[in-house]
Amino acid sequence: MGQLQAPQQSNALQAWGKRESGRAIFANGSDRELLDNFRQLSTQQSSAGYHAQTLIKAVDSLRGDVSPLNAMLQPNNPSRRLLVAGGFEIEYELNSYYGDCQTDVEIVAIRMVPDHAQSKTRPALWQIEPNRRANLDFSEEPSPQLTGTALVPGTAEKPIKAGVNGQYLGEDRVVPVMTSHISRGDKAKRSGLEKSGFQLLYIPPENSAWLAGWRTLNSFGNEGSAQQRKAAHILAQHMLEAHQQGLHVEWTSHDDGAWVLIEAMEQLQRQQINLQERQKIFLSDHTRSRFRADLARRKLNMDTQDDKWHNASPGLAQTIGGEQFGLAPLLSAGNNLIHNTPREERLGKTVNLAYQTGDYLIKKWGAAGAAGALAAATGGSAALAVAVVKALHKFAPTVVASLPGARNHYFKNTGDQLEQLINNRNKP
């Protein structure tokens, strides 16, 4: 009698897991074995079990009709897709194995990259918490999922504070810089943040800060790097996780971290996610258009109640990419007037927008340039037009502030003062 040989697991593609609905998932023998091991590990109440659970959920999400938010096309390979997370990557293709119109998923490779995340050489979500010396520092390992903590549960009263850093900040500088920006430079807020900690989607600096800065200027803030695109997909998934758990989150981006944050928001927007006003954003020294951010936050039904939701220094990248040479606030105001303003407030908003537009033109072209356009349009004297424009720009705030009722309400600028004066007079 010959010796019995143990059956060897086929390395050919076979369906993995139960397919109750949606796409079937095919994998070779070694990957199926790996997934089976993770499925078993995911039932354990441990850190390893929690990470395994995240991976299994990610694989199962590929069964859906719509690609997961953290899935992207593989660079330089249009038929391949990549599902990215802080500690792993899943490379896959869509094919039809059953001969019908339903495409199925073929897993090409599962790459565990915890060492890269742990060494902070790839984007990942981290808990920033007080260390033994009571200084804020990275947690021992990255977080596979965004969740609340005992001190910050993510309620309306105690929202999660989360940051997205720019490309210029290395591991040694990112925590104090992001602490400053998340606390808005306020000492009391900073003190509270140092006790409670915050969460950070850490994006490692690129090889060349000069190239990153040139990309921002050359593309007017619209082009991101491969690493930023990967980070945006990871962030979009964390924003969705927070939404599914009903968490309140305040996201603060710094510098070209705004590119990642806005890109993630636009991915959520394409899937028509309604965040139910539980998440809000703050752009600090942003290098991508805040008009795009404003459009996305309104489409997503984010919390937009704060008037102060951005702050930028007059740097070159901020002026060109973030503020679009001063046009971004006008575009936001115009869009808000058309889509979000009640009928009874439109007249005041229109006058406010007209005042802001005039102020923008004078700042951009100077009084002489704006007056020249006025003279050309009206056929009047250029010298007289210059005198009129200079006088209006100089004395308008004083004239408006002197009108009856103009000081009955708090105002942010002369245009806002005009808006309130007109709208309040129209109220019965």
Protein backbone atom coordinates (compact mmCIF):
# COMPACT_ATOMS: atom_id res chain seq x y z
CA MET A 1 0.00 0.00 0.00
CA GLY A 2 1.40 3.33 -0.98
CA GLN A 3 1.83 6.18 1.47
CA LEU A 4 -1.13 8.55 1.90
CA GLN A 5 -0.28 12.14 1.05
CA ALA A 6 -1.90 15.07 2.83
CA PRO A 7 -4.14 17.00 0.43
CA GLN A 8 -2.49 20.21 -0.69
CA GLN A 9 -4.53 23.38 -0.83
CA SER A 10 -4.90 24.52 -4.42
CA ASN A 11 -3.19 27.78 -5.26
CA ALA A 12 -5.68 28.35 -8.09
CA LEU A 13 -8.22 31.14 -7.82
CA GLN A 14 -11.28 30.17 -5.81
CA ALA A 15 -14.12 32.11 -4.22
CA TRP A 16 -13.51 33.12 -0.60
CA GLY A 17 -16.12 33.69 2.09
CA LYS A 18 -19.89 33.62 1.92
CA ARG A 19 -21.45 35.49 -0.96
CA GLU A 20 -24.98 36.36 0.17
CA SER A 21 -25.17 39.30 -2.23
CA GLY A 22 -22.91 41.51 -4.30
CA ARG A 23 -19.62 40.54 -5.89
CA ALA A 24 -17.79 37.27 -5.32
CA ILE A 25 -14.23 37.56 -4.04
CA PHE A 26 -11.60 35.31 -5.61
CA ALA A 27 -8.16 34.67 -4.17
CA ASN A 28 -5.38 32.14 -4.55
CA GLY A 29 -4.64 29.50 -1.94
CA SER A 30 -2.12 31.46 0.15
CA ASP A 31 -4.27 34.59 0.23
CA ARG A 32 -7.39 32.56 1.15
CA GLU A 33 -5.43 30.98 4.00
CA LEU A 34 -4.28 34.42 5.13
CA LEU A 35 -7.85 35.74 5.06
CA ASP A 36 -9.13 32.69 6.97
CA ASN A 37 -6.51 33.29 9.66
CA PHE A 38 -7.48 36.96 9.91
CA ARG A 39 -11.17 36.02 10.08
CA GLN A 40 -10.43 33.74 13.04
CA LEU A 41 -8.19 36.35 14.70
CA SER A 42 -10.86 39.05 14.29
CA THR A 43 -13.06 37.32 16.89
CA GLN A 44 -10.50 37.91 19.65
CA GLN A 45 -10.80 40.87 22.02
CA SER A 46 -7.29 42.22 21.55
CA SER A 47 -5.35 44.83 19.62
CA ALA A 48 -4.39 42.21 17.02
CA GLY A 49 -8.02 41.14 16.78
CA TYR A 50 -9.10 44.72 16.24
CA HIS A 51 -6.62 45.17 13.38
CA ALA A 52 -7.72 41.84 11.84
CA GLN A 53 -11.35 42.91 12.07
CA THR A 54 -10.51 46.09 10.15
CA LEU A 55 -8.88 44.11 7.35
CA ILE A 56 -11.78 41.63 7.04
CA LYS A 57 -14.28 44.49 6.92
CA ALA A 58 -12.20 46.12 4.19
CA VAL A 59 -12.20 42.92 2.10
CA ASP A 60 -15.94 42.42 2.56
CA SER A 61 -16.53 46.04 1.52
CA LEU A 62 -15.26 45.09 -1.96
CA ARG A 63 -18.47 43.08 -2.49
CA GLY A 64 -20.55 46.25 -2.76
CA ASP A 65 -21.76 47.86 -5.98
CA VAL A 66 -19.79 51.04 -5.19
CA SER A 67 -16.04 51.06 -4.64
CA PRO A 68 -15.01 51.73 -1.01
CA LEU A 69 -13.85 55.25 -0.25
CA ASN A 70 -10.34 54.02 0.48
CA ALA A 71 -10.03 52.27 -2.90
CA MET A 72 -8.15 53.96 -5.73
CA LEU A 73 -6.80 53.17 -9.18
CA GLN A 74 -3.30 51.74 -9.05
CA PRO A 75 -0.84 54.29 -10.48
CA ASN A 76 0.53 53.31 -13.92
CA ASN A 77 -1.78 50.27 -14.10
CA PRO A 78 -5.33 51.18 -15.19
CA SER A 79 -6.77 47.67 -14.68
CA ARG A 80 -5.55 47.38 -11.08
CA ARG A 81 -7.10 48.94 -8.01
CA LEU A 82 -5.66 49.49 -4.57
CA LEU A 83 -7.53 49.50 -1.27
CA VAL A 84 -5.41 51.43 1.21
CA ALA A 85 -5.42 51.67 5.00
CA GLY A 86 -2.94 52.57 7.70
CA GLY A 87 -1.59 49.05 8.18
CA PHE A 88 -2.31 47.18 4.94
CA GLU A 89 -2.92 47.41 1.20
CA ILE A 90 -5.07 45.13 -0.94
CA GLU A 91 -4.38 45.09 -4.66
CA TYR A 92 -7.25 43.73 -6.77
CA GLU A 93 -8.91 43.64 -10.20
CA LEU A 94 -12.54 43.49 -11.32
CA ASN A 95 -13.35 40.59 -13.67
CA SER A 96 -16.37 38.47 -14.58
CA TYR A 97 -15.89 34.82 -13.61
CA TYR A 98 -19.52 33.69 -13.86
CA GLY A 99 -20.05 35.08 -17.37
CA ASP A 100 -22.78 37.55 -16.44
CA CYS A 101 -22.82 41.33 -16.21
CA GLN A 102 -21.82 41.24 -12.53
CA THR A 103 -18.09 41.82 -12.09
CA ASP A 104 -16.25 39.99 -9.35
CA VAL A 105 -13.16 40.80 -7.33
CA GLU A 106 -9.84 39.07 -7.88
CA ILE A 107 -7.40 39.74 -5.07
CA VAL A 108 -3.94 40.06 -6.57
CA ALA A 109 -1.95 40.78 -3.41
CA ILE A 110 -2.44 41.49 0.29
CA ARG A 111 0.42 43.52 1.72
CA MET A 112 0.72 44.02 5.44
CA VAL A 113 2.58 47.28 6.07
CA PRO A 114 2.38 47.85 9.84
CA ASP A 115 6.13 48.45 10.05
CA HIS A 116 5.87 51.32 7.55
CA ALA A 117 2.99 52.86 9.48
CA GLN A 118 4.75 52.23 12.77
CA SER A 119 7.91 53.91 11.49
CA LYS A 120 5.76 56.79 10.18
CA THR A 121 6.84 56.42 6.57
CA ARG A 122 3.28 56.14 5.21
CA PRO A 123 0.03 57.99 6.01
CA ALA A 124 -1.87 56.62 8.99
CA LEU A 125 -4.20 57.76 11.77
CA TRP A 126 -2.57 58.24 15.17
CA GLN A 127 -3.78 59.10 18.64
CA ILE A 128 -1.74 62.01 20.01
CA GLU A 129 -1.76 61.68 23.79
CA PRO A 130 0.18 62.80 26.89
CA ASN A 131 3.30 60.70 27.53
CA ARG A 132 4.96 59.96 30.88
CA ARG A 133 6.38 63.48 30.97
CA ALA A 134 2.90 64.90 30.31
CA ASN A 135 3.96 66.03 26.82
CA LEU A 136 1.82 65.23 23.81
CA ASP A 137 3.31 62.44 21.68
CA PHE A 138 2.36 59.70 19.23
CA SER A 139 0.64 56.63 20.67
CA GLU A 140 2.51 53.31 20.56
CA GLU A 141 0.85 52.23 17.31
CA PRO A 142 -1.46 53.78 14.71
CA SER A 143 -5.23 53.46 15.02
CA PRO A 144 -6.99 51.23 12.47
CA GLN A 145 -10.26 53.11 12.98
CA LEU A 146 -11.34 56.55 14.20
CA THR A 147 -13.14 56.19 17.53
CA GLY A 148 -13.82 58.30 20.59
CA THR A 149 -11.87 58.10 23.84
CA ALA A 150 -12.85 58.25 27.50
CA LEU A 151 -11.90 61.95 27.68
CA VAL A 152 -13.20 62.84 24.20
CA PRO A 153 -16.12 60.53 23.35
CA GLY A 154 -17.12 62.38 20.19
CA THR A 155 -20.38 63.87 21.46
CA ALA A 156 -21.74 67.28 20.51
CA GLU A 157 -20.42 68.62 23.83
CA LYS A 158 -17.04 66.88 23.54
CA PRO A 159 -16.24 66.49 19.81
CA ILE A 160 -13.14 64.66 18.62
CA LYS A 161 -10.37 67.04 17.55
CA ALA A 162 -8.49 65.69 14.55
CA GLY A 163 -5.69 67.16 12.45
CA VAL A 164 -4.32 66.68 8.94
CA ASN A 165 -0.74 67.96 8.62
CA GLY A 166 1.04 69.52 5.66
CA GLN A 167 3.98 68.06 3.77
CA TYR A 168 6.69 70.10 5.48
CA LEU A 169 6.30 68.72 9.01
CA GLY A 170 8.41 65.80 10.15
CA GLU A 171 7.74 63.56 13.12
CA ASP A 172 9.70 65.81 15.49
CA ARG A 173 7.74 69.00 14.66
CA VAL A 174 4.27 67.90 13.66
CA VAL A 175 2.77 67.49 17.16
CA PRO A 176 3.55 70.98 18.55
CA VAL A 177 2.64 72.66 15.25
CA MET A 178 -0.70 70.84 14.92
CA THR A 179 -1.44 71.46 18.62
CA SER A 180 -1.06 75.19 17.94
CA HIS A 181 -3.31 75.15 14.87
CA ILE A 182 -6.02 72.92 16.34
CA SER A 183 -6.21 75.18 19.43
CA ARG A 184 -6.33 78.27 17.10
CA GLY A 185 -3.47 79.84 19.08
CA ASP A 186 -5.69 80.13 22.17
CA LYS A 187 -3.86 79.35 25.43
CA ALA A 188 -6.93 78.00 27.23
CA LYS A 189 -7.84 75.70 24.32
CA ARG A 190 -4.24 74.56 24.04
CA SER A 191 -4.15 73.68 27.73
CA GLY A 192 -7.28 71.57 27.36
CA LEU A 193 -5.92 69.89 24.23
CA GLU A 194 -2.68 68.98 26.01
CA LYS A 195 -4.72 67.11 28.62
CA SER A 196 -7.20 65.38 26.32
CA GLY A 197 -5.00 64.77 23.28
CA PHE A 198 -6.22 64.67 19.70
CA GLN A 199 -6.17 62.45 16.62
CA LEU A 200 -3.88 63.04 13.66
CA LEU A 201 -3.81 61.71 10.13
CA TYR A 202 -0.03 61.91 9.90
CA ILE A 203 1.32 62.41 6.39
CA PRO A 204 5.12 61.99 6.27
CA PRO A 205 7.08 64.75 4.53
CA GLU A 206 8.00 64.17 0.91
CA ASN A 207 11.59 63.88 -0.30
CA SER A 208 11.75 67.45 -1.53
CA ALA A 209 9.92 70.31 0.16
CA TRP A 210 10.90 72.53 -2.77
CA LEU A 211 9.19 70.20 -5.28
CA ALA A 212 6.07 70.00 -3.10
CA GLY A 213 5.92 73.79 -2.93
CA TRP A 214 6.44 74.16 -6.66
CA ARG A 215 3.67 71.64 -7.37
CA THR A 216 1.27 73.77 -5.33
CA LEU A 217 2.22 76.98 -7.16
CA ASN A 218 2.37 75.40 -10.61
CA SER A 219 -1.10 73.80 -10.28
CA PHE A 220 -2.71 76.65 -8.28
CA GLY A 221 -3.15 74.21 -5.39
CA ASN A 222 -5.09 71.66 -7.45
CA GLU A 223 -2.52 68.88 -7.88
CA GLY A 224 -1.56 66.46 -5.15
CA SER A 225 1.20 63.86 -4.90
CA ALA A 226 0.70 60.09 -4.99
CA GLN A 227 1.15 60.03 -1.22
CA GLN A 228 -1.44 62.78 -0.72
CA ARG A 229 -3.94 60.92 -2.92
CA LYS A 230 -3.41 57.79 -0.84
CA ALA A 231 -3.82 59.81 2.37
CA ALA A 232 -7.07 61.34 1.04
CA HIS A 233 -8.59 57.89 0.47
CA ILE A 234 -7.58 56.82 3.98
CA LEU A 235 -9.03 60.02 5.44
CA ALA A 236 -12.32 59.66 3.52
CA GLN A 237 -12.76 56.21 5.02
CA HIS A 238 -12.12 57.54 8.55
CA MET A 239 -14.65 60.35 7.99
CA LEU A 240 -17.20 57.75 6.90
CA GLU A 241 -16.38 55.61 9.97
CA ALA A 242 -17.04 58.60 12.22
CA HIS A 243 -20.34 59.24 10.45
CA GLN A 244 -21.45 55.61 10.79
CA GLN A 245 -20.74 55.77 14.54
CA GLY A 246 -22.57 59.09 14.92
CA LEU A 247 -19.42 60.85 16.14
CA HIS A 248 -18.91 64.62 16.19
CA VAL A 249 -15.51 65.52 14.74
CA GLU A 250 -13.71 68.82 14.14
CA TRP A 251 -11.11 68.45 11.38
CA THR A 252 -8.24 70.94 11.18
CA SER A 253 -5.89 70.94 8.21
CA HIS A 254 -2.56 72.77 8.07
CA ASP A 255 -0.88 74.05 4.91
CA ASP A 256 -1.27 71.53 2.06
CA GLY A 257 -3.00 69.15 4.43
CA ALA A 258 -5.97 71.08 3.02
CA TRP A 259 -5.43 69.27 -0.29
CA VAL A 260 -5.92 65.92 1.47
CA LEU A 261 -8.91 67.10 3.50
CA ILE A 262 -10.75 68.68 0.54
CA GLU A 263 -10.02 65.67 -1.68
CA ALA A 264 -11.44 63.34 0.99
CA MET A 265 -14.55 65.52 1.29
CA GLU A 266 -15.08 65.46 -2.47
CA GLN A 267 -14.84 61.65 -2.44
CA LEU A 268 -17.59 61.53 0.19
CA GLN A 269 -19.57 64.03 -1.87
CA ARG A 270 -19.42 61.78 -4.96
CA GLN A 271 -21.07 59.03 -2.92
CA GLN A 272 -23.73 61.52 -1.72
CA ILE A 273 -22.94 61.05 1.97
CA ASN A 274 -24.98 63.24 4.36
CA LEU A 275 -22.89 63.96 7.47
CA GLN A 276 -25.89 65.43 9.31
CA GLU A 277 -23.97 68.43 10.65
CA ARG A 278 -21.87 66.29 12.98
CA GLN A 279 -18.51 67.08 11.36
CA LYS A 280 -16.90 70.44 10.65
CA ILE A 281 -13.64 71.69 9.16
CA PHE A 282 -11.09 74.43 9.80
CA LEU A 283 -8.51 75.33 7.16
CA SER A 284 -5.30 76.81 8.56
CA ASP A 285 -2.77 78.32 6.11
CA HIS A 286 -4.54 76.37 3.37
CA THR A 287 -2.94 76.02 -0.06
CA ARG A 288 -6.03 74.66 -1.85
CA SER A 289 -9.09 76.69 -2.75
CA ARG A 290 -11.36 77.31 0.22
CA PHE A 291 -14.16 77.86 -2.30
CA ARG A 292 -13.93 74.15 -3.17
CA ALA A 293 -13.90 73.35 0.54
CA ASP A 294 -16.99 75.52 1.07
CA LEU A 295 -18.85 73.80 -1.78
CA ALA A 296 -17.96 70.34 -0.43
CA ARG A 297 -18.85 71.05 3.20
CA ARG A 298 -22.28 72.36 2.20
CA LYS A 299 -22.95 69.43 -0.17
CA LEU A 300 -22.02 67.03 2.63
CA ASN A 301 -24.29 68.84 5.10
CA MET A 302 -21.41 69.48 7.48
CA ASP A 303 -21.67 71.92 10.37
CA THR A 304 -21.19 75.35 8.72
CA GLN A 305 -22.39 77.58 11.58
CA ASP A 306 -18.94 78.95 12.46
CA ASP A 307 -18.17 82.18 10.61
CA LYS A 308 -14.47 81.70 11.33
CA TRP A 309 -13.64 78.39 9.62
CA HIS A 310 -10.35 79.34 7.94
CA ASN A 311 -7.24 81.39 8.64
CA ALA A 312 -4.31 81.95 6.29
CA SER A 313 -1.10 83.96 6.28
CA PRO A 314 -0.41 85.94 3.08
CA GLY A 315 2.18 83.45 1.84
CA LEU A 316 2.60 82.83 -1.88
CA ALA A 317 1.12 79.31 -1.82
CA GLN A 318 -1.76 80.45 0.39
CA THR A 319 -2.57 83.47 -1.79
CA ILE A 320 -2.41 81.51 -5.06
CA GLY A 321 -3.80 78.11 -4.07
CA GLY A 322 -5.93 78.81 -1.01
CA GLU A 323 -7.42 82.23 -1.71
CA GLN A 324 -7.20 82.22 -5.54
CA PHE A 325 -5.75 85.75 -5.51
CA GLY A 326 -8.70 86.93 -3.39
CA LEU A 327 -11.44 85.40 -5.54
CA ALA A 328 -12.22 82.46 -3.21
CA PRO A 329 -14.27 84.50 -0.68
CA LEU A 330 -16.24 86.17 -3.49
CA LEU A 331 -17.01 82.82 -5.13
CA SER A 332 -18.15 81.40 -1.77
CA ALA A 333 -20.32 84.45 -1.09
CA GLY A 334 -21.88 84.27 -4.56
CA ASN A 335 -22.60 80.54 -4.24
CA ASN A 336 -24.07 81.08 -0.76
CA LEU A 337 -26.28 83.88 -2.10
CA ILE A 338 -27.67 81.70 -4.89
CA HIS A 339 -28.13 78.41 -3.04
CA ASN A 340 -28.35 79.03 0.71
CA THR A 341 -29.88 82.49 1.30
CA PRO A 342 -33.58 82.95 2.24
CA ARG A 343 -35.50 85.26 -0.09
CA GLU A 344 -35.96 87.96 2.56
CA GLU A 345 -32.16 88.22 3.07
CA ARG A 346 -31.07 88.26 -0.59
CA LEU A 347 -31.06 92.04 -1.05
CA GLY A 348 -28.68 92.60 1.85
CA LYS A 349 -26.45 89.70 0.74
CA THR A 350 -26.34 91.12 -2.78
CA VAL A 351 -25.27 94.57 -1.55
CA ASN A 352 -22.65 92.93 0.70
CA LEU A 353 -21.29 90.92 -2.26
CA ALA A 354 -21.20 94.04 -4.44
CA TYR A 355 -19.23 95.91 -1.75
CA GLN A 356 -16.78 92.99 -1.33
CA THR A 357 -16.32 92.81 -5.12
CA GLY A 358 -15.50 96.52 -5.30
CA ASP A 359 -13.08 96.17 -2.39
CA TYR A 360 -11.43 93.20 -4.13
CA LEU A 361 -11.02 95.11 -7.40
CA ILE A 362 -9.41 98.07 -5.66
CA LYS A 363 -7.01 95.80 -3.74
CA LYS A 364 -6.15 93.87 -6.91
CA TRP A 365 -5.78 96.72 -9.40
CA GLY A 366 -5.53 99.75 -7.13
CA ALA A 367 -7.81 102.77 -7.17
CA ALA A 368 -6.43 103.94 -10.52
CA GLY A 369 -7.09 100.59 -12.20
CA ALA A 370 -10.64 100.31 -10.83
CA ALA A 371 -11.28 103.95 -11.77
CA GLY A 372 -9.99 103.37 -15.29
CA ALA A 373 -12.46 100.53 -15.75
CA LEU A 374 -15.23 102.76 -14.36
CA ALA A 375 -14.31 105.61 -16.72
CA ALA A 376 -14.15 103.29 -19.72
CA ALA A 377 -17.53 101.78 -18.89
CA THR A 378 -19.26 105.15 -18.36
CA GLY A 379 -17.34 107.34 -20.83
CA GLY A 380 -16.44 109.79 -18.06
CA SER A 381 -13.24 111.52 -17.03
CA ALA A 382 -10.49 109.19 -15.80
CA ALA A 383 -9.16 111.81 -13.37
CA LEU A 384 -12.64 112.34 -11.89
CA ALA A 385 -13.18 108.58 -11.68
CA VAL A 386 -9.94 108.15 -9.72
CA ALA A 387 -11.00 110.83 -7.25
CA VAL A 388 -14.47 109.27 -6.84
CA VAL A 389 -13.18 105.72 -6.33
CA LYS A 390 -10.57 106.83 -3.79
CA ALA A 391 -13.14 108.84 -1.86
CA LEU A 392 -15.70 106.03 -1.83
CA HIS A 393 -13.16 103.44 -0.71
CA LYS A 394 -11.78 105.69 2.02
CA PHE A 395 -15.01 107.10 3.45
CA ALA A 396 -17.50 104.26 2.81
CA PRO A 397 -16.92 102.62 6.23
CA THR A 398 -17.48 105.95 8.00
CA VAL A 399 -20.59 106.78 5.97
CA VAL A 400 -22.15 103.34 6.45
CA ALA A 401 -21.36 103.32 10.19
CA SER A 402 -23.08 106.73 10.53
CA LEU A 403 -26.39 105.58 9.06
CA PRO A 404 -29.28 105.22 11.55
CA GLY A 405 -29.43 101.68 12.94
CA ALA A 406 -26.06 100.65 11.48
CA ARG A 407 -24.56 99.99 14.91
CA ASN A 408 -27.49 98.11 16.44
CA HIS A 409 -25.92 94.72 15.63
CA TYR A 410 -22.43 93.25 15.79
CA PHE A 411 -20.79 93.25 12.34
CA LYS A 412 -17.63 91.74 10.85
CA ASN A 413 -16.88 94.32 8.15
CA THR A 414 -18.50 97.18 6.22
CA GLY A 415 -20.17 94.84 3.72
CA ASP A 416 -21.68 92.81 6.57
CA GLN A 417 -22.83 96.03 8.24
CA LEU A 418 -24.61 97.08 5.04
CA GLU A 419 -26.22 93.65 4.72
CA GLN A 420 -27.59 93.71 8.27
CA LEU A 421 -28.82 97.28 7.94
CA ILE A 422 -30.77 96.51 4.75
CA ASN A 423 -32.18 93.17 5.86
CA ASN A 424 -33.25 94.43 9.29
CA ARG A 425 -35.04 97.39 7.71
CA ASN A 426 -36.95 95.01 5.43
CA LYS A 427 -38.20 92.92 8.33
CA PRO A 428 -41.79 93.61 9.40
